[in-house]
Amino acid sequence: MLETTLLVVSGKKLAVPRLLKRILQVAVAVGLTAAVLLVVIVGNGLLVGRQASLQAGINLWLAFIKRPDILATMVLTALVTVRFVYWQRNQERRAGSADRMHS
C-alpha cells in the first residue's frame, strides 16, 4: 500500500502518494527558478538597452533555459532542497519528542 500525505491546492486538501507530492514540489521549485531567471534575463536586456525588444529577451531566456546543464542544475538543486527541508523537519520532530520524554 502506498503511503499517502496531504497536498494543499487552492485551499483544498488532497490525499496523494508521498512520491507524487515530492515530484510536484520539485517541479514547482524548478518552475519558480525558471520564472525568476526569465525576469532577470529580460529585465537585464531591457535595462541595459542592448536588446531591441521583449521578444529578444525571451528568446535569450529560452536558449539559456533549454540547456541540459542548466536544467540538470535546477532539478538537482530543487531535489536537494526538498529533501533537506523534510530531513530537517523530521530531526526537529525527533528532538521535540525526545525533549517531551525527558521533561
PDB file of N, CA and C in Angstrom:
ATOM      1  N   MET A   1       0.836  -1.188   0.000  1.00  0.00           N
ATOM      2  CA  MET A   1       0.000   0.000   0.000  1.00  0.00           C
ATOM      3  C   MET A   1       0.880   1.250   0.000  1.00  0.00           C
ATOM      4  N   LEU A   2       0.490   2.220  -0.781  1.00  0.00           N
ATOM      5  CA  LEU A   2       1.248   3.451  -0.869  1.00  0.00           C
ATOM      6  C   LEU A   2       1.014   4.323   0.350  1.00  0.00           C
ATOM      7  N   GLU A   3       2.096   4.933   0.804  1.00  0.00           N
ATOM      8  CA  GLU A   3       1.990   5.881   1.906  1.00  0.00           C
ATOM      9  C   GLU A   3       1.498   7.206   1.331  1.00  0.00           C
ATOM     10  N   THR A   4       0.423   7.740   1.892  1.00  0.00           N
ATOM     11  CA  THR A   4      -0.140   8.983   1.362  1.00  0.00           C
ATOM     12  C   THR A   4       0.130  10.130   2.325  1.00  0.00           C
ATOM     13  N   THR A   5       0.042  11.307   1.776  1.00  0.00           N
ATOM     14  CA  THR A   5       0.222  12.528   2.542  1.00  0.00           C
ATOM     15  C   THR A   5      -0.751  13.567   1.999  1.00  0.00           C
ATOM     16  N   LEU A   6      -0.895  14.656   2.701  1.00  0.00           N
ATOM     17  CA  LEU A   6      -1.820  15.698   2.257  1.00  0.00           C
ATOM     18  C   LEU A   6      -1.103  16.705   1.370  1.00  0.00           C
ATOM     19  N   LEU A   7      -1.770  17.077   0.309  1.00  0.00           N
ATOM     20  CA  LEU A   7      -1.309  18.129  -0.591  1.00  0.00           C
ATOM     21  C   LEU A   7      -2.395  19.191  -0.595  1.00  0.00           C
ATOM     22  N   VAL A   8      -2.025  20.415  -0.276  1.00  0.00           N
ATOM     23  CA  VAL A   8      -2.998  21.505  -0.239  1.00  0.00           C
ATOM     24  C   VAL A   8      -2.878  22.298  -1.536  1.00  0.00           C
ATOM     25  N   VAL A   9      -3.979  22.329  -2.298  1.00  0.00           N
ATOM     26  CA  VAL A   9      -4.028  23.049  -3.567  1.00  0.00           C
ATOM     27  C   VAL A   9      -5.272  23.920  -3.560  1.00  0.00           C
ATOM     28  N   SER A  10      -5.076  25.197  -3.709  1.00  0.00           N
ATOM     29  CA  SER A  10      -6.187  26.165  -3.724  1.00  0.00           C
ATOM     30  C   SER A  10      -7.093  26.013  -2.517  1.00  0.00           C
ATOM     31  N   GLY A  11      -6.492  25.770  -1.363  1.00  0.00           N
ATOM     32  CA  GLY A  11      -7.259  25.651  -0.136  1.00  0.00           C
ATOM     33  C   GLY A  11      -7.932  24.305   0.066  1.00  0.00           C
ATOM     34  N   LYS A  12      -7.773  23.405  -0.885  1.00  0.00           N
ATOM     35  CA  LYS A  12      -8.362  22.070  -0.767  1.00  0.00           C
ATOM     36  C   LYS A  12      -7.280  21.066  -0.410  1.00  0.00           C
ATOM     37  N   LYS A  13      -7.592  20.154   0.495  1.00  0.00           N
ATOM     38  CA  LYS A  13      -6.644  19.129   0.901  1.00  0.00           C
ATOM     39  C   LYS A  13      -6.902  17.854   0.106  1.00  0.00           C
ATOM     40  N   LEU A  14      -5.837  17.362  -0.523  1.00  0.00           N
ATOM     41  CA  LEU A  14      -5.931  16.145  -1.317  1.00  0.00           C
ATOM     42  C   LEU A  14      -4.976  15.105  -0.749  1.00  0.00           C
ATOM     43  N   ALA A  15      -5.435  13.867  -0.640  1.00  0.00           N
ATOM     44  CA  ALA A  15      -4.556  12.778  -0.227  1.00  0.00           C
ATOM     45  C   ALA A  15      -3.865  12.235  -1.482  1.00  0.00           C
ATOM     46  N   VAL A  16      -2.535  12.335  -1.505  1.00  0.00           N
ATOM     47  CA  VAL A  16      -1.751  11.890  -2.654  1.00  0.00           C
ATOM     48  C   VAL A  16      -0.589  11.036  -2.158  1.00  0.00           C
ATOM     49  N   PRO A  17      -0.062  10.184  -3.037  1.00  0.00           N
ATOM     50  CA  PRO A  17       1.134   9.430  -2.647  1.00  0.00           C
ATOM     51  C   PRO A  17       2.289  10.390  -2.329  1.00  0.00           C
ATOM     52  N   ARG A  18       3.097  10.012  -1.346  1.00  0.00           N
ATOM     53  CA  ARG A  18       4.203  10.867  -0.906  1.00  0.00           C
ATOM     54  C   ARG A  18       5.163  11.190  -2.067  1.00  0.00           C
ATOM     55  N   LEU A  19       5.461  10.210  -2.907  1.00  0.00           N
ATOM     56  CA  LEU A  19       6.376  10.432  -4.031  1.00  0.00           C
ATOM     57  C   LEU A  19       5.814  11.471  -5.003  1.00  0.00           C
ATOM     58  N   LEU A  20       4.516  11.409  -5.283  1.00  0.00           N
ATOM     59  CA  LEU A  20       3.894  12.390  -6.170  1.00  0.00           C
ATOM     60  C   LEU A  20       4.013  13.796  -5.592  1.00  0.00           C
ATOM     61  N   LYS A  21       3.804  13.921  -4.288  1.00  0.00           N
ATOM     62  CA  LYS A  21       3.914  15.230  -3.646  1.00  0.00           C
ATOM     63  C   LYS A  21       5.331  15.779  -3.789  1.00  0.00           C
ATOM     64  N   ARG A  22       6.337  14.939  -3.576  1.00  0.00           N
ATOM     65  CA  ARG A  22       7.728  15.388  -3.704  1.00  0.00           C
ATOM     66  C   ARG A  22       8.041  15.796  -5.149  1.00  0.00           C
ATOM     67  N   ILE A  23       7.553  15.024  -6.101  1.00  0.00           N
ATOM     68  CA  ILE A  23       7.781  15.351  -7.510  1.00  0.00           C
ATOM     69  C   ILE A  23       7.132  16.695  -7.846  1.00  0.00           C
ATOM     70  N   LEU A  24       5.928  16.922  -7.366  1.00  0.00           N
ATOM     71  CA  LEU A  24       5.254  18.203  -7.606  1.00  0.00           C
ATOM     72  C   LEU A  24       6.006  19.358  -6.958  1.00  0.00           C
ATOM     73  N   GLN A  25       6.535  19.138  -5.749  1.00  0.00           N
ATOM     74  CA  GLN A  25       7.296  20.185  -5.074  1.00  0.00           C
ATOM     75  C   GLN A  25       8.561  20.534  -5.856  1.00  0.00           C
ATOM     76  N   VAL A  26       9.242  19.527  -6.367  1.00  0.00           N
ATOM     77  CA  VAL A  26      10.442  19.773  -7.165  1.00  0.00           C
ATOM     78  C   VAL A  26      10.071  20.506  -8.448  1.00  0.00           C
ATOM     79  N   ALA A  27       8.993  20.095  -9.105  1.00  0.00           N
ATOM     80  CA  ALA A  27       8.565  20.743 -10.347  1.00  0.00           C
ATOM     81  C   ALA A  27       8.206  22.213 -10.115  1.00  0.00           C
ATOM     82  N   VAL A  28       7.536  22.499  -9.013  1.00  0.00           N
ATOM     83  CA  VAL A  28       7.186  23.889  -8.696  1.00  0.00           C
ATOM     84  C   VAL A  28       8.450  24.708  -8.432  1.00  0.00           C
ATOM     85  N   ALA A  29       9.400  24.130  -7.717  1.00  0.00           N
ATOM     86  CA  ALA A  29      10.658  24.840  -7.443  1.00  0.00           C
ATOM     87  C   ALA A  29      11.416  25.130  -8.737  1.00  0.00           C
ATOM     88  N   VAL A  30      11.459  24.170  -9.639  1.00  0.00           N
ATOM     89  CA  VAL A  30      12.125  24.384 -10.931  1.00  0.00           C
ATOM     90  C   VAL A  30      11.390  25.458 -11.730  1.00  0.00           C
ATOM     91  N   GLY A  31      10.073  25.418 -11.735  1.00  0.00           N
ATOM     92  CA  GLY A  31       9.281  26.429 -12.441  1.00  0.00           C
ATOM     93  C   GLY A  31       9.495  27.829 -11.883  1.00  0.00           C
ATOM     94  N   LEU A  32       9.541  27.947 -10.562  1.00  0.00           N
ATOM     95  CA  LEU A  32       9.790  29.257  -9.942  1.00  0.00           C
ATOM     96  C   LEU A  32      11.188  29.764 -10.285  1.00  0.00           C
ATOM     97  N   THR A  33      12.162  28.863 -10.281  1.00  0.00           N
ATOM     98  CA  THR A  33      13.520  29.253 -10.641  1.00  0.00           C
ATOM     99  C   THR A  33      13.563  29.751 -12.085  1.00  0.00           C
ATOM    100  N   ALA A  34      12.900  29.047 -12.981  1.00  0.00           N
ATOM    101  CA  ALA A  34      12.855  29.463 -14.383  1.00  0.00           C
ATOM    102  C   ALA A  34      12.178  30.823 -14.528  1.00  0.00           C
ATOM    103  N   ALA A  35      11.129  31.061 -13.760  1.00  0.00           N
ATOM    104  CA  ALA A  35      10.425  32.351 -13.824  1.00  0.00           C
ATOM    105  C   ALA A  35      11.316  33.487 -13.333  1.00  0.00           C
ATOM    106  N   VAL A  36      12.049  33.246 -12.264  1.00  0.00           N
ATOM    107  CA  VAL A  36      12.970  34.276 -11.753  1.00  0.00           C
ATOM    108  C   VAL A  36      14.051  34.564 -12.785  1.00  0.00           C
ATOM    109  N   LEU A  37      14.584  33.511 -13.406  1.00  0.00           N
ATOM    110  CA  LEU A  37      15.590  33.713 -14.450  1.00  0.00           C
ATOM    111  C   LEU A  37      15.029  34.496 -15.628  1.00  0.00           C
ATOM    112  N   LEU A  38      13.771  34.245 -15.978  1.00  0.00           N
ATOM    113  CA  LEU A  38      13.134  34.999 -17.056  1.00  0.00           C
ATOM    114  C   LEU A  38      13.108  36.490 -16.719  1.00  0.00           C
ATOM    115  N   VAL A  39      12.688  36.810 -15.518  1.00  0.00           N
ATOM    116  CA  VAL A  39      12.626  38.223 -15.100  1.00  0.00           C
ATOM    117  C   VAL A  39      14.018  38.848 -15.121  1.00  0.00           C
ATOM    118  N   VAL A  40      15.011  38.118 -14.620  1.00  0.00           N
ATOM    119  CA  VAL A  40      16.373  38.661 -14.573  1.00  0.00           C
ATOM    120  C   VAL A  40      16.928  38.875 -15.981  1.00  0.00           C
ATOM    121  N   ILE A  41      16.798  37.884 -16.839  1.00  0.00           N
ATOM    122  CA  ILE A  41      17.380  37.991 -18.187  1.00  0.00           C
ATOM    123  C   ILE A  41      16.660  39.039 -19.030  1.00  0.00           C
ATOM    124  N   VAL A  42      15.326  39.017 -19.027  1.00  0.00           N
ATOM    125  CA  VAL A  42      14.575  40.009 -19.813  1.00  0.00           C
ATOM    126  C   VAL A  42      14.765  41.402 -19.220  1.00  0.00           C
ATOM    127  N   GLY A  43      14.708  41.504 -17.902  1.00  0.00           N
ATOM    128  CA  GLY A  43      14.904  42.803 -17.253  1.00  0.00           C
ATOM    129  C   GLY A  43      16.275  43.383 -17.540  1.00  0.00           C
ATOM    130  N   ASN A  44      17.291  42.538 -17.500  1.00  0.00           N
ATOM    131  CA  ASN A  44      18.643  43.000 -17.800  1.00  0.00           C
ATOM    132  C   ASN A  44      18.729  43.525 -19.234  1.00  0.00           C
ATOM    133  N   GLY A  45      18.129  42.791 -20.154  1.00  0.00           N
ATOM    134  CA  GLY A  45      18.155  43.235 -21.553  1.00  0.00           C
ATOM    135  C   GLY A  45      17.432  44.551 -21.748  1.00  0.00           C
ATOM    136  N   LEU A  46      16.332  44.737 -21.061  1.00  0.00           N
ATOM    137  CA  LEU A  46      15.572  45.979 -21.212  1.00  0.00           C
ATOM    138  C   LEU A  46      16.280  47.161 -20.542  1.00  0.00           C
ATOM    139  N   LEU A  47      16.900  46.904 -19.378  1.00  0.00           N
ATOM    140  CA  LEU A  47      17.569  47.998 -18.661  1.00  0.00           C
ATOM    141  C   LEU A  47      18.871  48.422 -19.339  1.00  0.00           C
ATOM    142  N   VAL A  48      19.607  47.465 -19.834  1.00  0.00           N
ATOM    143  CA  VAL A  48      20.887  47.777 -20.470  1.00  0.00           C
ATOM    144  C   VAL A  48      20.657  48.371 -21.853  1.00  0.00           C
ATOM    145  N   GLY A  49      19.571  47.966 -22.489  1.00  0.00           N
ATOM    146  CA  GLY A  49      19.228  48.540 -23.778  1.00  0.00           C
ATOM    147  C   GLY A  49      19.908  47.873 -24.956  1.00  0.00           C
ATOM    148  N   ARG A  50      20.614  46.760 -24.702  1.00  0.00           N
ATOM    149  CA  ARG A  50      21.280  46.082 -25.810  1.00  0.00           C
ATOM    150  C   ARG A  50      20.285  45.315 -26.662  1.00  0.00           C
ATOM    151  N   GLN A  51      19.230  44.851 -26.065  1.00  0.00           N
ATOM    152  CA  GLN A  51      18.237  44.079 -26.813  1.00  0.00           C
ATOM    153  C   GLN A  51      17.101  45.007 -27.222  1.00  0.00           C
ATOM    154  N   ALA A  52      16.706  44.847 -28.452  1.00  0.00           N
ATOM    155  CA  ALA A  52      15.745  45.782 -29.014  1.00  0.00           C
ATOM    156  C   ALA A  52      14.314  45.528 -28.540  1.00  0.00           C
ATOM    157  N   SER A  53      14.020  44.298 -28.108  1.00  0.00           N
ATOM    158  CA  SER A  53      12.630  44.029 -27.780  1.00  0.00           C
ATOM    159  C   SER A  53      12.510  43.006 -26.652  1.00  0.00           C
ATOM    160  N   LEU A  54      11.316  42.910 -26.173  1.00  0.00           N
ATOM    161  CA  LEU A  54      10.993  41.904 -25.161  1.00  0.00           C
ATOM    162  C   LEU A  54      11.156  40.510 -25.750  1.00  0.00           C
ATOM    163  N   GLN A  55      10.799  40.351 -27.012  1.00  0.00           N
ATOM    164  CA  GLN A  55      10.918  39.050 -27.677  1.00  0.00           C
ATOM    165  C   GLN A  55      12.365  38.572 -27.714  1.00  0.00           C
ATOM    166  N   ALA A  56      13.305  39.486 -27.926  1.00  0.00           N
ATOM    167  CA  ALA A  56      14.722  39.112 -27.946  1.00  0.00           C
ATOM    168  C   ALA A  56      15.153  38.592 -26.577  1.00  0.00           C
ATOM    169  N   GLY A  57      14.657  39.218 -25.512  1.00  0.00           N
ATOM    170  CA  GLY A  57      14.969  38.768 -24.164  1.00  0.00           C
ATOM    171  C   GLY A  57      14.394  37.392 -23.877  1.00  0.00           C
ATOM    172  N   ILE A  58      13.175  37.151 -24.338  1.00  0.00           N
ATOM    173  CA  ILE A  58      12.545  35.848 -24.149  1.00  0.00           C
ATOM    174  C   ILE A  58      13.285  34.780 -24.940  1.00  0.00           C
ATOM    175  N   ASN A  59      13.721  35.113 -26.150  1.00  0.00           N
ATOM    176  CA  ASN A  59      14.493  34.153 -26.953  1.00  0.00           C
ATOM    177  C   ASN A  59      15.814  33.804 -26.268  1.00  0.00           C
ATOM    178  N   LEU A  60      16.465  34.803 -25.683  1.00  0.00           N
ATOM    179  CA  LEU A  60      17.707  34.563 -24.954  1.00  0.00           C
ATOM    180  C   LEU A  60      17.439  33.655 -23.751  1.00  0.00           C
ATOM    181  N   TRP A  61      16.355  33.908 -23.022  1.00  0.00           N
ATOM    182  CA  TRP A  61      15.981  33.085 -21.876  1.00  0.00           C
ATOM    183  C   TRP A  61      15.703  31.645 -22.308  1.00  0.00           C
ATOM    184  N   LEU A  62      14.965  31.479 -23.397  1.00  0.00           N
ATOM    185  CA  LEU A  62      14.669  30.128 -23.887  1.00  0.00           C
ATOM    186  C   LEU A  62      15.934  29.374 -24.257  1.00  0.00           C
ATOM    187  N   ALA A  63      16.866  30.054 -24.908  1.00  0.00           N
ATOM    188  CA  ALA A  63      18.132  29.412 -25.261  1.00  0.00           C
ATOM    189  C   ALA A  63      18.886  28.993 -24.008  1.00  0.00           C
ATOM    190  N   PHE A  64      18.843  29.829 -22.987  1.00  0.00           N
ATOM    191  CA  PHE A  64      19.532  29.529 -21.730  1.00  0.00           C
ATOM    192  C   PHE A  64      18.850  28.390 -20.976  1.00  0.00           C
ATOM    193  N   ILE A  65      17.543  28.463 -20.846  1.00  0.00           N
ATOM    194  CA  ILE A  65      16.793  27.525 -20.012  1.00  0.00           C
ATOM    195  C   ILE A  65      16.724  26.131 -20.638  1.00  0.00           C
ATOM    196  N   LYS A  66      16.875  26.026 -21.936  1.00  0.00           N
ATOM    197  CA  LYS A  66      16.812  24.728 -22.607  1.00  0.00           C
ATOM    198  C   LYS A  66      18.126  23.960 -22.540  1.00  0.00           C
ATOM    199  N   ARG A  67      19.181  24.581 -22.035  1.00  0.00           N
ATOM    200  CA  ARG A  67      20.467  23.889 -21.929  1.00  0.00           C
ATOM    201  C   ARG A  67      20.354  22.761 -20.906  1.00  0.00           C
ATOM    202  N   PRO A  68      20.803  21.568 -21.257  1.00  0.00           N
ATOM    203  CA  PRO A  68      20.694  20.430 -20.341  1.00  0.00           C
ATOM    204  C   PRO A  68      21.433  20.645 -19.019  1.00  0.00           C
ATOM    205  N   ASP A  69      22.576  21.327 -19.050  1.00  0.00           N
ATOM    206  CA  ASP A  69      23.311  21.549 -17.804  1.00  0.00           C
ATOM    207  C   ASP A  69      22.558  22.502 -16.878  1.00  0.00           C
ATOM    208  N   ILE A  70      21.890  23.463 -17.441  1.00  0.00           N
ATOM    209  CA  ILE A  70      21.103  24.400 -16.631  1.00  0.00           C
ATOM    210  C   ILE A  70      19.894  23.686 -16.030  1.00  0.00           C
ATOM    211  N   LEU A  71      19.178  22.926 -16.854  1.00  0.00           N
ATOM    212  CA  LEU A  71      18.024  22.169 -16.352  1.00  0.00           C
ATOM    213  C   LEU A  71      18.442  21.174 -15.275  1.00  0.00           C
ATOM    214  N   ALA A  72      19.532  20.473 -15.500  1.00  0.00           N
ATOM    215  CA  ALA A  72      20.008  19.497 -14.512  1.00  0.00           C
ATOM    216  C   ALA A  72      20.373  20.175 -13.195  1.00  0.00           C
ATOM    217  N   THR A  73      21.005  21.326 -13.266  1.00  0.00           N
ATOM    218  CA  THR A  73      21.364  22.063 -12.058  1.00  0.00           C
ATOM    219  C   THR A  73      20.114  22.518 -11.305  1.00  0.00           C
ATOM    220  N   MET A  74      19.117  23.004 -12.030  1.00  0.00           N
ATOM    221  CA  MET A  74      17.876  23.448 -11.383  1.00  0.00           C
ATOM    222  C   MET A  74      17.165  22.278 -10.708  1.00  0.00           C
ATOM    223  N   VAL A  75      17.061  21.141 -11.394  1.00  0.00           N
ATOM    224  CA  VAL A  75      16.379  19.980 -10.834  1.00  0.00           C
ATOM    225  C   VAL A  75      17.152  19.437  -9.637  1.00  0.00           C
ATOM    226  N   LEU A  76      18.467  19.319  -9.754  1.00  0.00           N
ATOM    227  CA  LEU A  76      19.275  18.823  -8.649  1.00  0.00           C
ATOM    228  C   LEU A  76      19.165  19.727  -7.428  1.00  0.00           C
ATOM    229  N   THR A  77      19.211  21.017  -7.636  1.00  0.00           N
ATOM    230  CA  THR A  77      19.071  21.963  -6.531  1.00  0.00           C
ATOM    231  C   THR A  77      17.708  21.820  -5.868  1.00  0.00           C
ATOM    232  N   ALA A  78      16.657  21.693  -6.657  1.00  0.00           N
ATOM    233  CA  ALA A  78      15.315  21.532  -6.100  1.00  0.00           C
ATOM    234  C   ALA A  78      15.202  20.215  -5.332  1.00  0.00           C
ATOM    235  N   LEU A  79      15.740  19.128  -5.877  1.00  0.00           N
ATOM    236  CA  LEU A  79      15.694  17.831  -5.186  1.00  0.00           C
ATOM    237  C   LEU A  79      16.401  17.891  -3.840  1.00  0.00           C
ATOM    238  N   VAL A  80      17.590  18.433  -3.841  1.00  0.00           N
ATOM    239  CA  VAL A  80      18.360  18.526  -2.597  1.00  0.00           C
ATOM    240  C   VAL A  80      17.643  19.417  -1.584  1.00  0.00           C
ATOM    241  N   THR A  81      17.092  20.522  -2.041  1.00  0.00           N
ATOM    242  CA  THR A  81      16.397  21.439  -1.136  1.00  0.00           C
ATOM    243  C   THR A  81      15.168  20.789  -0.518  1.00  0.00           C
ATOM    244  N   VAL A  82      14.339  20.140  -1.334  1.00  0.00           N
ATOM    245  CA  VAL A  82      13.140  19.479  -0.810  1.00  0.00           C
ATOM    246  C   VAL A  82      13.532  18.385   0.181  1.00  0.00           C
ATOM    247  N   ARG A  83      14.516  17.582  -0.185  1.00  0.00           N
ATOM    248  CA  ARG A  83      14.964  16.510   0.712  1.00  0.00           C
ATOM    249  C   ARG A  83      15.502  17.077   2.020  1.00  0.00           C
ATOM    250  N   PHE A  84      16.285  18.152   1.961  1.00  0.00           N
ATOM    251  CA  PHE A  84      16.839  18.765   3.165  1.00  0.00           C
ATOM    252  C   PHE A  84      15.746  19.312   4.074  1.00  0.00           C
ATOM    253  N   VAL A  85      14.768  19.982   3.492  1.00  0.00           N
ATOM    254  CA  VAL A  85      13.691  20.557   4.307  1.00  0.00           C
ATOM    255  C   VAL A  85      12.945  19.459   5.068  1.00  0.00           C
ATOM    256  N   TYR A  86      12.642  18.348   4.400  1.00  0.00           N
ATOM    257  CA  TYR A  86      11.943  17.259   5.084  1.00  0.00           C
ATOM    258  C   TYR A  86      12.834  16.553   6.087  1.00  0.00           C
ATOM    259  N   TRP A  87      14.111  16.411   5.796  1.00  0.00           N
ATOM    260  CA  TRP A  87      15.040  15.818   6.756  1.00  0.00           C
ATOM    261  C   TRP A  87      15.133  16.684   8.008  1.00  0.00           C
ATOM    262  N   GLN A  88      15.272  18.000   7.817  1.00  0.00           N
ATOM    263  CA  GLN A  88      15.365  18.914   8.950  1.00  0.00           C
ATOM    264  C   GLN A  88      14.084  18.898   9.781  1.00  0.00           C
ATOM    265  N   ARG A  89      12.951  18.854   9.118  1.00  0.00           N
ATOM    266  CA  ARG A  89      11.672  18.802   9.838  1.00  0.00           C
ATOM    267  C   ARG A  89      11.581  17.533  10.682  1.00  0.00           C
ATOM    268  N   ASN A  90      12.016  16.411  10.132  1.00  0.00           N
ATOM    269  CA  ASN A  90      11.999  15.161  10.888  1.00  0.00           C
ATOM    270  C   ASN A  90      12.951  15.213  12.073  1.00  0.00           C
ATOM    271  N   GLN A  91      14.106  15.859  11.904  1.00  0.00           N
ATOM    272  CA  GLN A  91      15.055  15.994  13.014  1.00  0.00           C
ATOM    273  C   GLN A  91      14.453  16.837  14.136  1.00  0.00           C
ATOM    274  N   GLU A  92      13.750  17.907  13.766  1.00  0.00           N
ATOM    275  CA  GLU A  92      13.113  18.761  14.765  1.00  0.00           C
ATOM    276  C   GLU A  92      12.014  18.013  15.506  1.00  0.00           C
ATOM    277  N   ARG A  93      11.256  17.188  14.784  1.00  0.00           N
ATOM    278  CA  ARG A  93      10.205  16.400  15.430  1.00  0.00           C
ATOM    279  C   ARG A  93      10.802  15.419  16.436  1.00  0.00           C
ATOM    280  N   ARG A  94      11.893  14.754  16.022  1.00  0.00           N
ATOM    281  CA  ARG A  94      12.550  13.798  16.923  1.00  0.00           C
ATOM    282  C   ARG A  94      13.092  14.493  18.160  1.00  0.00           C
ATOM    283  N   ALA A  95      13.722  15.663  17.959  1.00  0.00           N
ATOM    284  CA  ALA A  95      14.265  16.408  19.092  1.00  0.00           C
ATOM    285  C   ALA A  95      13.139  16.877  20.003  1.00  0.00           C
ATOM    286  N   GLY A  96      12.031  17.305  19.417  1.00  0.00           N
ATOM    287  CA  GLY A  96      10.886  17.746  20.221  1.00  0.00           C
ATOM    288  C   GLY A  96      10.278  16.612  21.018  1.00  0.00           C
ATOM    289  N   SER A  97      10.152  15.447  20.405  1.00  0.00           N
ATOM    290  CA  SER A  97       9.569  14.314  21.143  1.00  0.00           C
ATOM    291  C   SER A  97      10.551  13.813  22.199  1.00  0.00           C
ATOM    292  N   ALA A  98      11.848  13.896  21.954  1.00  0.00           N
ATOM    293  CA  ALA A  98      12.832  13.491  22.967  1.00  0.00           C
ATOM    294  C   ALA A  98      12.807  14.467  24.127  1.00  0.00           C
ATOM    295  N   ASP A  99      12.628  15.759  23.855  1.00  0.00           N
ATOM    296  CA  ASP A  99      12.540  16.755  24.924  1.00  0.00           C
ATOM    297  C   ASP A  99      11.309  16.508  25.795  1.00  0.00           C
ATOM    298  N   ARG A 100      10.193  16.164  25.155  1.00  0.00           N
ATOM    299  CA  ARG A 100       8.966  15.914  25.932  1.00  0.00           C
ATOM    300  C   ARG A 100       9.114  14.664  26.786  1.00  0.00           C
ATOM    301  N   MET A 101       9.857  13.682  26.294  1.00  0.00           N
ATOM    302  CA  MET A 101      10.029  12.444  27.044  1.00  0.00           C
ATOM    303  C   MET A 101      10.916  12.664  28.267  1.00  0.00           C
ATOM    304  N   HIS A 102      11.862  13.598  28.203  1.00  0.00           N
ATOM    305  CA  HIS A 102      12.779  13.859  29.309  1.00  0.00           C
ATOM    306  C   HIS A 102      12.242  14.890  30.276  1.00  0.00           C
ATOM    307  N   SER A 103      11.120  15.502  29.979  1.00  0.00           N
ATOM    308  CA  SER A 103      10.565  16.533  30.875  1.00  0.00           C
ATOM    309  C   SER A 103       9.795  15.911  32.009  1.00  0.00           C
TER     310      SER A 103
END
